[in-house]
C-alpha atoms as a PDB file:
ATOM      1  CA  PRO A   1       0.000   0.000   0.000  1.00  0.00           C
ATOM      2  CA  VAL A   2       1.048   3.565  -0.726  1.00  0.00           C
ATOM      3  CA  ALA A   3      -0.202   6.425   1.424  1.00  0.00           C
ATOM      4  CA  VAL A   4       0.611   9.914   2.699  1.00  0.00           C
ATOM      5  CA  ASP A   5       2.339  10.365   6.063  1.00  0.00           C
ATOM      6  CA  PHE A   6       0.547  13.613   6.968  1.00  0.00           C
ATOM      7  CA  ASP A   7       2.595  16.079   9.020  1.00  0.00           C
ATOM      8  CA  PRO A   8       0.565  19.129  10.153  1.00  0.00           C
ATOM      9  CA  ALA A   9       3.725  20.867  11.406  1.00  0.00           C
ATOM     10  CA  HIS A  10       5.103  20.963   7.873  1.00  0.00           C
ATOM     11  CA  PHE A  11       2.177  23.088   6.721  1.00  0.00           C
ATOM     12  CA  ALA A  12       2.209  25.337   9.803  1.00  0.00           C
ATOM     13  CA  ILE A  13       5.940  26.019   9.411  1.00  0.00           C
ATOM     14  CA  ARG A  14       5.376  26.975   5.767  1.00  0.00           C
ATOM     15  CA  GLY A  15       2.547  29.308   6.803  1.00  0.00           C
ATOM     16  CA  ASP A  16      -0.119  27.111   5.201  1.00  0.00           C
ATOM     17  CA  SER A  17      -3.233  25.599   6.731  1.00  0.00           C
ATOM     18  CA  ALA A  18      -2.869  21.936   7.699  1.00  0.00           C
ATOM     19  CA  SER A  19      -6.666  21.654   7.640  1.00  0.00           C
ATOM     20  CA  ASP A  20      -6.861  22.952   4.065  1.00  0.00           C
ATOM     21  CA  ALA A  21      -4.164  20.502   2.987  1.00  0.00           C
ATOM     22  CA  LEU A  22      -5.957  17.630   4.716  1.00  0.00           C
ATOM     23  CA  ARG A  23      -9.179  18.492   2.890  1.00  0.00           C
ATOM     24  CA  ILE A  24      -7.341  18.014  -0.414  1.00  0.00           C
ATOM     25  CA  ILE A  25      -5.339  14.855   0.281  1.00  0.00           C
ATOM     26  CA  HIS A  26      -7.464  13.056   2.876  1.00  0.00           C
ATOM     27  CA  PRO A  27      -8.294  10.036   0.685  1.00  0.00           C
ATOM     28  CA  HIS A  28      -4.568   9.263   0.555  1.00  0.00           C
ATOM     29  CA  VAL A  29      -3.653   9.736   4.233  1.00  0.00           C
ATOM     30  CA  GLY A  30      -2.520   6.536   5.923  1.00  0.00           C
ATOM     31  CA  HIS A  31      -0.726   8.006   8.944  1.00  0.00           C
ATOM     32  CA  LEU A  32      -0.820  11.298  10.826  1.00  0.00           C
ATOM     33  CA  GLN A  33       2.058  12.759  12.785  1.00  0.00           C
ATOM     34  CA  MET A  34       1.012  14.640  15.909  1.00  0.00           C
ATOM     35  CA  ARG A  35       3.450  17.521  15.382  1.00  0.00           C
ATOM     36  CA  ASP A  36       2.898  21.250  15.545  1.00  0.00           C
ATOM     37  CA  GLY A  37       4.814  24.226  14.232  1.00  0.00           C
ATOM     38  CA  ARG A  38       4.827  27.963  13.955  1.00  0.00           C
ATOM     39  CA  ARG A  39       5.732  30.258  11.094  1.00  0.00           C
ATOM     40  CA  GLY A  40       8.329  32.770  12.192  1.00  0.00           C
ATOM     41  CA  SER A  41       9.316  36.164  10.896  1.00  0.00           C
ATOM     42  CA  GLY A  42      11.363  36.325   7.745  1.00  0.00           C
ATOM     43  CA  GLY A  43       9.838  33.150   6.332  1.00  0.00           C
ATOM     44  CA  THR A  44      11.407  30.811   8.832  1.00  0.00           C
ATOM     45  CA  GLY A  45       9.519  28.429  11.067  1.00  0.00           C
ATOM     46  CA  GLN A  46      10.050  25.944  13.818  1.00  0.00           C
ATOM     47  CA  GLU A  47       8.517  22.879  15.368  1.00  0.00           C
ATOM     48  CA  THR A  48       6.625  23.466  18.615  1.00  0.00           C
ATOM     49  CA  ALA A  49       4.869  21.318  21.179  1.00  0.00           C
ATOM     50  CA  VAL A  50       1.418  20.212  20.066  1.00  0.00           C
ATOM     51  CA  GLY A  51      -1.101  22.895  20.957  1.00  0.00           C
ATOM     52  CA  ARG A  52       1.517  25.652  21.044  1.00  0.00           C
ATOM     53  CA  GLY A  53       1.878  26.168  17.308  1.00  0.00           C
ATOM     54  CA  ASP A  54      -0.311  27.307  14.446  1.00  0.00           C
ATOM     55  CA  VAL A  55      -2.092  24.001  13.787  1.00  0.00           C
ATOM     56  CA  SER A  56      -5.788  24.198  14.633  1.00  0.00           C
ATOM     57  CA  TRP A  57      -6.058  20.821  16.368  1.00  0.00           C
ATOM     58  CA  ALA A  58      -9.782  21.121  17.069  1.00  0.00           C
ATOM     59  CA  GLU A  59     -10.462  21.696  13.366  1.00  0.00           C
ATOM     60  CA  LEU A  60      -7.988  19.048  12.215  1.00  0.00           C
ATOM     61  CA  LEU A  61      -9.408  16.377  14.539  1.00  0.00           C
ATOM     62  CA  ALA A  62     -12.956  17.259  13.501  1.00  0.00           C
ATOM     63  CA  LEU A  63     -11.925  16.772   9.870  1.00  0.00           C
ATOM     64  CA  LEU A  64     -10.370  13.412  10.683  1.00  0.00           C
ATOM     65  CA  GLU A  65     -13.610  12.354  12.351  1.00  0.00           C
ATOM     66  CA  GLU A  66     -15.633  13.576   9.369  1.00  0.00           C
ATOM     67  CA  MET A  67     -13.311  11.599   7.058  1.00  0.00           C
ATOM     68  CA  GLU A  68     -13.811   8.527   9.278  1.00  0.00           C
ATOM     69  CA  TYR A  69     -10.035   8.301   9.519  1.00  0.00           C
ATOM     70  CA  SER A  70      -8.964   4.988  11.019  1.00  0.00           C
ATOM     71  CA  GLY A  71      -5.195   5.141  10.535  1.00  0.00           C
ATOM     72  CA  TRP A  72      -2.505   5.652  13.111  1.00  0.00           C
ATOM     73  CA  MET A  73      -1.681   8.957  14.776  1.00  0.00           C
ATOM     74  CA  THR A  74       1.736   9.069  16.417  1.00  0.00           C
ATOM     75  CA  ALA A  75       3.231  11.773  18.607  1.00  0.00           C
ATOM     76  CA  ILE A  76       6.608  12.964  17.348  1.00  0.00           C
ATOM     77  CA  ARG A  77       8.835  15.707  18.745  1.00  0.00           C
ATOM     78  CA  ASN A  78      12.123  16.272  16.933  1.00  0.00           C
ATOM     79  CA  ASP A  79      13.347  19.604  18.269  1.00  0.00           C
ATOM     80  CA  SER A  80      12.805  19.872  22.011  1.00  0.00           C
ATOM     81  CA  GLN A  81      14.615  20.185  25.314  1.00  0.00           C
ATOM     82  CA  ASP A  82      11.880  18.013  26.869  1.00  0.00           C
ATOM     83  CA  GLY A  83      10.803  15.650  24.077  1.00  0.00           C
ATOM     84  CA  PRO A  84       9.283  12.851  26.189  1.00  0.00           C
ATOM     85  CA  ALA A  85       7.108  15.290  28.163  1.00  0.00           C
ATOM     86  CA  ASP A  86       6.043  17.069  24.957  1.00  0.00           C
ATOM     87  CA  VAL A  87       5.062  13.732  23.402  1.00  0.00           C
ATOM     88  CA  ALA A  88       3.066  12.753  26.497  1.00  0.00           C
ATOM     89  CA  ARG A  89       1.252  16.123  26.471  1.00  0.00           C
ATOM     90  CA  ALA A  90       0.465  15.726  22.748  1.00  0.00           C
ATOM     91  CA  ILE A  91      -1.132  12.347  23.371  1.00  0.00           C
ATOM     92  CA  THR A  92      -3.159  13.717  26.295  1.00  0.00           C
ATOM     93  CA  LEU A  93      -4.336  16.733  24.269  1.00  0.00           C
ATOM     94  CA  VAL A  94      -5.465  14.610  21.332  1.00  0.00           C
ATOM     95  CA  GLN A  95      -7.109  11.972  23.538  1.00  0.00           C
ATOM     96  CA  ARG A  96      -9.021  14.708  25.396  1.00  0.00           C
ATOM     97  CA  ALA A  97     -10.163  16.225  22.114  1.00  0.00           C
ATOM     98  CA  LEU A  98     -11.299  12.856  20.809  1.00  0.00           C
ATOM     99  CA  THR A  99     -13.390  12.301  23.941  1.00  0.00           C
ATOM    100  CA  GLY A 100     -15.176  15.620  23.560  1.00  0.00           C
ATOM    101  CA  HIS A 101     -13.072  17.964  25.686  1.00  0.00           C
ATOM    102  CA  GLN A 102     -12.285  21.464  24.407  1.00  0.00           C
ATOM    103  CA  VAL A 103      -8.928  22.018  22.684  1.00  0.00           C
ATOM    104  CA  SER A 104      -7.544  25.070  20.952  1.00  0.00           C
END
């Protein structure tokens, strides 16, 4: 099987909407990385902890539910002083959102 490994942080770092990209390529998504990012000044960007970047997680997760997405979502943190804690917080945030709790 061939599928897209969807990385929302990639779109946020570029200054694009991860939700808009997901709307276009959703039939091909086989895996989603729980990563966040922020576009910086001068066209640069950086990875951030999930929930602290520009990805609209509430919107993205609602889209995944609407798509009836059943693939894996894995928490990944590449650039962090506290990677394990950031990964644990990402999982908690997404699990809370999936059980109906408010997320930003």
